[in-house]
Amino acid sequence: MSRMVRIAGGSSLLVAGTAMLVLPGPGLLTIAAGLAVLARDVAWARRASQRIRSLRPRRARAQDGG
């Protein structure tokens, strides 16, 4: 049951974030949050999340501790 809730919630965040790319709101942040939620259960979201993390500047990774 909780897996279905996570997938539904993550998918909703992805859809909302995509809409916020053209509407007012933090679209990229919402998409990143949706990928983070989905990454627990879906392989493609895990890979996308890791890819986004690898694109962050080196300085930001050092401050995060990762």
PDB file of N, CA and C in Angstrom:
ATOM      1  N   MET A   1       0.825  -1.196   0.000  1.00  0.00           N
ATOM      2  CA  MET A   1       0.000   0.000   0.000  1.00  0.00           C
ATOM      3  C   MET A   1       0.864   1.253   0.000  1.00  0.00           C
ATOM      4  N   SER A   2       1.898   1.293   0.844  1.00  0.00           N
ATOM      5  CA  SER A   2       2.704   2.503   0.916  1.00  0.00           C
ATOM      6  C   SER A   2       3.490   2.725  -0.375  1.00  0.00           C
ATOM      7  N   ARG A   3       3.851   1.661  -1.064  1.00  0.00           N
ATOM      8  CA  ARG A   3       4.557   1.800  -2.338  1.00  0.00           C
ATOM      9  C   ARG A   3       3.672   2.497  -3.360  1.00  0.00           C
ATOM     10  N   MET A   4       2.413   2.132  -3.408  1.00  0.00           N
ATOM     11  CA  MET A   4       1.478   2.767  -4.340  1.00  0.00           C
ATOM     12  C   MET A   4       1.291   4.238  -3.996  1.00  0.00           C
ATOM     13  N   VAL A   5       1.260   4.556  -2.715  1.00  0.00           N
ATOM     14  CA  VAL A   5       1.104   5.948  -2.284  1.00  0.00           C
ATOM     15  C   VAL A   5       2.330   6.757  -2.689  1.00  0.00           C
ATOM     16  N   ARG A   6       3.525   6.193  -2.495  1.00  0.00           N
ATOM     17  CA  ARG A   6       4.758   6.895  -2.899  1.00  0.00           C
ATOM     18  C   ARG A   6       4.794   7.125  -4.402  1.00  0.00           C
ATOM     19  N   ILE A   7       4.427   6.121  -5.179  1.00  0.00           N
ATOM     20  CA  ILE A   7       4.441   6.263  -6.636  1.00  0.00           C
ATOM     21  C   ILE A   7       3.415   7.307  -7.082  1.00  0.00           C
ATOM     22  N   ALA A   8       2.239   7.273  -6.487  1.00  0.00           N
ATOM     23  CA  ALA A   8       1.218   8.264  -6.839  1.00  0.00           C
ATOM     24  C   ALA A   8       1.654   9.673  -6.438  1.00  0.00           C
ATOM     25  N   GLY A   9       2.228   9.803  -5.259  1.00  0.00           N
ATOM     26  CA  GLY A   9       2.686  11.114  -4.803  1.00  0.00           C
ATOM     27  C   GLY A   9       3.828  11.650  -5.640  1.00  0.00           C
ATOM     28  N   GLY A  10       4.800  10.796  -5.942  1.00  0.00           N
ATOM     29  CA  GLY A  10       5.928  11.207  -6.777  1.00  0.00           C
ATOM     30  C   GLY A  10       5.489  11.580  -8.180  1.00  0.00           C
ATOM     31  N   SER A  11       4.568  10.813  -8.722  1.00  0.00           N
ATOM     32  CA  SER A  11       4.044  11.117 -10.057  1.00  0.00           C
ATOM     33  C   SER A  11       3.297  12.442 -10.054  1.00  0.00           C
ATOM     34  N   SER A  12       2.531  12.680  -9.001  1.00  0.00           N
ATOM     35  CA  SER A  12       1.812  13.948  -8.887  1.00  0.00           C
ATOM     36  C   SER A  12       2.776  15.123  -8.809  1.00  0.00           C
ATOM     37  N   LEU A  13       3.868  14.949  -8.067  1.00  0.00           N
ATOM     38  CA  LEU A  13       4.865  16.005  -7.989  1.00  0.00           C
ATOM     39  C   LEU A  13       5.517  16.255  -9.348  1.00  0.00           C
ATOM     40  N   LEU A  14       5.791  15.191 -10.089  1.00  0.00           N
ATOM     41  CA  LEU A  14       6.369  15.356 -11.425  1.00  0.00           C
ATOM     42  C   LEU A  14       5.422  16.111 -12.351  1.00  0.00           C
ATOM     43  N   VAL A  15       4.150  15.758 -12.326  1.00  0.00           N
ATOM     44  CA  VAL A  15       3.169  16.431 -13.179  1.00  0.00           C
ATOM     45  C   VAL A  15       3.030  17.898 -12.768  1.00  0.00           C
ATOM     46  N   ALA A  16       2.949  18.152 -11.462  1.00  0.00           N
ATOM     47  CA  ALA A  16       2.824  19.523 -10.985  1.00  0.00           C
ATOM     48  C   ALA A  16       4.068  20.335 -11.331  1.00  0.00           C
ATOM     49  N   GLY A  17       5.237  19.739 -11.180  1.00  0.00           N
ATOM     50  CA  GLY A  17       6.478  20.430 -11.515  1.00  0.00           C
ATOM     51  C   GLY A  17       6.569  20.748 -12.997  1.00  0.00           C
ATOM     52  N   THR A  18       6.135  19.816 -13.819  1.00  0.00           N
ATOM     53  CA  THR A  18       6.133  20.054 -15.260  1.00  0.00           C
ATOM     54  C   THR A  18       5.194  21.207 -15.612  1.00  0.00           C
ATOM     55  N   ALA A  19       4.041  21.242 -14.970  1.00  0.00           N
ATOM     56  CA  ALA A  19       3.108  22.347 -15.205  1.00  0.00           C
ATOM     57  C   ALA A  19       3.700  23.675 -14.733  1.00  0.00           C
ATOM     58  N   MET A  20       4.455  23.630 -13.634  1.00  0.00           N
ATOM     59  CA  MET A  20       5.041  24.857 -13.094  1.00  0.00           C
ATOM     60  C   MET A  20       6.189  25.386 -13.946  1.00  0.00           C
ATOM     61  N   LEU A  21       6.634  24.626 -14.919  1.00  0.00           N
ATOM     62  CA  LEU A  21       7.649  25.150 -15.823  1.00  0.00           C
ATOM     63  C   LEU A  21       7.091  26.296 -16.668  1.00  0.00           C
ATOM     64  N   VAL A  22       5.784  26.258 -16.932  1.00  0.00           N
ATOM     65  CA  VAL A  22       5.149  27.335 -17.692  1.00  0.00           C
ATOM     66  C   VAL A  22       4.230  28.186 -16.827  1.00  0.00           C
ATOM     67  N   LEU A  23       3.834  27.667 -15.685  1.00  0.00           N
ATOM     68  CA  LEU A  23       3.008  28.410 -14.731  1.00  0.00           C
ATOM     69  C   LEU A  23       3.901  28.913 -13.602  1.00  0.00           C
ATOM     70  N   PRO A  24       3.416  29.864 -12.827  1.00  0.00           N
ATOM     71  CA  PRO A  24       4.234  30.343 -11.701  1.00  0.00           C
ATOM     72  C   PRO A  24       4.431  29.248 -10.652  1.00  0.00           C
ATOM     73  N   GLY A  25       5.652  29.129 -10.179  1.00  0.00           N
ATOM     74  CA  GLY A  25       5.953  28.152  -9.146  1.00  0.00           C
ATOM     75  C   GLY A  25       7.335  27.564  -9.336  1.00  0.00           C
ATOM     76  N   PRO A  26       7.806  26.863  -8.325  1.00  0.00           N
ATOM     77  CA  PRO A  26       9.155  26.272  -8.373  1.00  0.00           C
ATOM     78  C   PRO A  26       9.164  24.946  -9.132  1.00  0.00           C
ATOM     79  N   GLY A  27       9.099  25.004 -10.443  1.00  0.00           N
ATOM     80  CA  GLY A  27       8.972  23.801 -11.265  1.00  0.00           C
ATOM     81  C   GLY A  27      10.113  22.825 -11.124  1.00  0.00           C
ATOM     82  N   LEU A  28      11.348  23.299 -11.256  1.00  0.00           N
ATOM     83  CA  LEU A  28      12.491  22.388 -11.194  1.00  0.00           C
ATOM     84  C   LEU A  28      12.641  21.774  -9.812  1.00  0.00           C
ATOM     85  N   LEU A  29      12.375  22.543  -8.788  1.00  0.00           N
ATOM     86  CA  LEU A  29      12.452  22.017  -7.432  1.00  0.00           C
ATOM     87  C   LEU A  29      11.390  20.941  -7.206  1.00  0.00           C
ATOM     88  N   THR A  30      10.202  21.163  -7.719  1.00  0.00           N
ATOM     89  CA  THR A  30       9.121  20.191  -7.567  1.00  0.00           C
ATOM     90  C   THR A  30       9.417  18.918  -8.354  1.00  0.00           C
ATOM     91  N   ILE A  31       9.996  19.058  -9.539  1.00  0.00           N
ATOM     92  CA  ILE A  31      10.383  17.882 -10.325  1.00  0.00           C
ATOM     93  C   ILE A  31      11.450  17.082  -9.583  1.00  0.00           C
ATOM     94  N   ALA A  32      12.429  17.782  -9.009  1.00  0.00           N
ATOM     95  CA  ALA A  32      13.476  17.099  -8.247  1.00  0.00           C
ATOM     96  C   ALA A  32      12.885  16.358  -7.042  1.00  0.00           C
ATOM     97  N   ALA A  33      11.916  16.977  -6.384  1.00  0.00           N
ATOM     98  CA  ALA A  33      11.265  16.317  -5.244  1.00  0.00           C
ATOM     99  C   ALA A  33      10.490  15.084  -5.698  1.00  0.00           C
ATOM    100  N   GLY A  34       9.814  15.180  -6.825  1.00  0.00           N
ATOM    101  CA  GLY A  34       9.086  14.031  -7.357  1.00  0.00           C
ATOM    102  C   GLY A  34      10.010  12.887  -7.706  1.00  0.00           C
ATOM    103  N   LEU A  35      11.160  13.210  -8.306  1.00  0.00           N
ATOM    104  CA  LEU A  35      12.132  12.167  -8.623  1.00  0.00           C
ATOM    105  C   LEU A  35      12.691  11.537  -7.358  1.00  0.00           C
ATOM    106  N   ALA A  36      12.909  12.344  -6.329  1.00  0.00           N
ATOM    107  CA  ALA A  36      13.435  11.808  -5.070  1.00  0.00           C
ATOM    108  C   ALA A  36      12.445  10.835  -4.439  1.00  0.00           C
ATOM    109  N   VAL A  37      11.167  11.158  -4.502  1.00  0.00           N
ATOM    110  CA  VAL A  37      10.146  10.261  -3.941  1.00  0.00           C
ATOM    111  C   VAL A  37      10.063   8.982  -4.768  1.00  0.00           C
ATOM    112  N   LEU A  38      10.054   9.124  -6.083  1.00  0.00           N
ATOM    113  CA  LEU A  38       9.938   7.955  -6.958  1.00  0.00           C
ATOM    114  C   LEU A  38      11.186   7.077  -6.936  1.00  0.00           C
ATOM    115  N   ALA A  39      12.332   7.653  -6.625  1.00  0.00           N
ATOM    116  CA  ALA A  39      13.592   6.912  -6.679  1.00  0.00           C
ATOM    117  C   ALA A  39      13.623   5.718  -5.734  1.00  0.00           C
ATOM    118  N   ARG A  40      12.805   5.735  -4.720  1.00  0.00           N
ATOM    119  CA  ARG A  40      12.772   4.598  -3.783  1.00  0.00           C
ATOM    120  C   ARG A  40      12.191   3.344  -4.429  1.00  0.00           C
ATOM    121  N   ASP A  41      11.329   3.529  -5.449  1.00  0.00           N
ATOM    122  CA  ASP A  41      10.606   2.392  -6.002  1.00  0.00           C
ATOM    123  C   ASP A  41      10.790   2.178  -7.497  1.00  0.00           C
ATOM    124  N   VAL A  42      11.282   3.184  -8.221  1.00  0.00           N
ATOM    125  CA  VAL A  42      11.327   3.111  -9.673  1.00  0.00           C
ATOM    126  C   VAL A  42      12.767   3.326 -10.144  1.00  0.00           C
ATOM    127  N   ALA A  43      13.267   2.401 -10.943  1.00  0.00           N
ATOM    128  CA  ALA A  43      14.672   2.433 -11.361  1.00  0.00           C
ATOM    129  C   ALA A  43      14.991   3.647 -12.226  1.00  0.00           C
ATOM    130  N   TRP A  44      14.105   4.013 -13.165  1.00  0.00           N
ATOM    131  CA  TRP A  44      14.421   5.141 -14.043  1.00  0.00           C
ATOM    132  C   TRP A  44      14.488   6.442 -13.258  1.00  0.00           C
ATOM    133  N   ALA A  45      13.679   6.583 -12.221  1.00  0.00           N
ATOM    134  CA  ALA A  45      13.720   7.787 -11.401  1.00  0.00           C
ATOM    135  C   ALA A  45      15.002   7.831 -10.577  1.00  0.00           C
ATOM    136  N   ARG A  46      15.464   6.685 -10.124  1.00  0.00           N
ATOM    137  CA  ARG A  46      16.721   6.605  -9.377  1.00  0.00           C
ATOM    138  C   ARG A  46      17.885   7.046 -10.260  1.00  0.00           C
ATOM    139  N   ARG A  47      17.904   6.552 -11.502  1.00  0.00           N
ATOM    140  CA  ARG A  47      18.975   6.940 -12.427  1.00  0.00           C
ATOM    141  C   ARG A  47      18.902   8.430 -12.751  1.00  0.00           C
ATOM    142  N   ALA A  48      17.709   8.951 -12.972  1.00  0.00           N
ATOM    143  CA  ALA A  48      17.558  10.378 -13.278  1.00  0.00           C
ATOM    144  C   ALA A  48      17.983  11.229 -12.096  1.00  0.00           C
ATOM    145  N   SER A  49      17.627  10.809 -10.905  1.00  0.00           N
ATOM    146  CA  SER A  49      18.013  11.551  -9.705  1.00  0.00           C
ATOM    147  C   SER A  49      19.525  11.556  -9.531  1.00  0.00           C
ATOM    148  N   GLN A  50      20.175  10.436  -9.757  1.00  0.00           N
ATOM    149  CA  GLN A  50      21.639  10.364  -9.660  1.00  0.00           C
ATOM    150  C   GLN A  50      22.300  11.223 -10.725  1.00  0.00           C
ATOM    151  N   ARG A  51      21.724  11.241 -11.895  1.00  0.00           N
ATOM    152  CA  ARG A  51      22.279  12.056 -12.979  1.00  0.00           C
ATOM    153  C   ARG A  51      22.178  13.543 -12.647  1.00  0.00           C
ATOM    154  N   ILE A  52      21.055  13.959 -12.093  1.00  0.00           N
ATOM    155  CA  ILE A  52      20.887  15.363 -11.699  1.00  0.00           C
ATOM    156  C   ILE A  52      21.880  15.727 -10.606  1.00  0.00           C
ATOM    157  N   ARG A  53      22.063  14.831  -9.639  1.00  0.00           N
ATOM    158  CA  ARG A  53      23.036  15.093  -8.570  1.00  0.00           C
ATOM    159  C   ARG A  53      24.446  15.240  -9.121  1.00  0.00           C
ATOM    160  N   SER A  54      24.779  14.456 -10.137  1.00  0.00           N
ATOM    161  CA  SER A  54      26.129  14.530 -10.692  1.00  0.00           C
ATOM    162  C   SER A  54      26.352  15.823 -11.478  1.00  0.00           C
ATOM    163  N   LEU A  55      25.291  16.485 -11.905  1.00  0.00           N
ATOM    164  CA  LEU A  55      25.415  17.729 -12.652  1.00  0.00           C
ATOM    165  C   LEU A  55      25.581  18.955 -11.759  1.00  0.00           C
ATOM    166  N   ARG A  56      25.316  18.793 -10.459  1.00  0.00           N
ATOM    167  CA  ARG A  56      25.447  19.931  -9.552  1.00  0.00           C
ATOM    168  C   ARG A  56      26.901  20.377  -9.508  1.00  0.00           C
ATOM    169  N   PRO A  57      27.119  21.658  -9.311  1.00  0.00           N
ATOM    170  CA  PRO A  57      28.507  22.137  -9.201  1.00  0.00           C
ATOM    171  C   PRO A  57      29.239  21.493  -8.029  1.00  0.00           C
ATOM    172  N   ARG A  58      30.532  21.349  -8.169  1.00  0.00           N
ATOM    173  CA  ARG A  58      31.350  20.687  -7.150  1.00  0.00           C
ATOM    174  C   ARG A  58      31.229  21.378  -5.799  1.00  0.00           C
ATOM    175  N   ARG A  59      31.176  22.677  -5.787  1.00  0.00           N
ATOM    176  CA  ARG A  59      31.088  23.442  -4.536  1.00  0.00           C
ATOM    177  C   ARG A  59      29.804  23.095  -3.763  1.00  0.00           C
ATOM    178  N   ALA A  60      28.686  22.984  -4.462  1.00  0.00           N
ATOM    179  CA  ALA A  60      27.420  22.652  -3.796  1.00  0.00           C
ATOM    180  C   ALA A  60      27.479  21.252  -3.200  1.00  0.00           C
ATOM    181  N   ARG A  61      28.137  20.313  -3.874  1.00  0.00           N
ATOM    182  CA  ARG A  61      28.255  18.955  -3.331  1.00  0.00           C
ATOM    183  C   ARG A  61      29.119  18.949  -2.089  1.00  0.00           C
ATOM    184  N   ALA A  62      30.169  19.747  -2.054  1.00  0.00           N
ATOM    185  CA  ALA A  62      31.063  19.796  -0.888  1.00  0.00           C
ATOM    186  C   ALA A  62      30.326  20.352   0.337  1.00  0.00           C
ATOM    187  N   GLN A  63      29.451  21.335   0.124  1.00  0.00           N
ATOM    188  CA  GLN A  63      28.706  21.912   1.229  1.00  0.00           C
ATOM    189  C   GLN A  63      27.654  20.950   1.764  1.00  0.00           C
ATOM    190  N   ASP A  64      27.107  20.104   0.901  1.00  0.00           N
ATOM    191  CA  ASP A  64      26.108  19.124   1.321  1.00  0.00           C
ATOM    192  C   ASP A  64      26.738  17.925   2.016  1.00  0.00           C
ATOM    193  N   GLY A  65      28.007  17.746   1.853  1.00  0.00           N
ATOM    194  CA  GLY A  65      28.662  16.582   2.428  1.00  0.00           C
ATOM    195  C   GLY A  65      28.592  15.374   1.519  1.00  0.00           C
ATOM    196  N   GLY A  66      28.239  15.571   0.242  1.00  0.00           N
ATOM    197  CA  GLY A  66      28.133  14.424  -0.650  1.00  0.00           C
ATOM    198  C   GLY A  66      28.627  14.695  -1.945  1.00  0.00           C
TER     199      GLY A  66
END
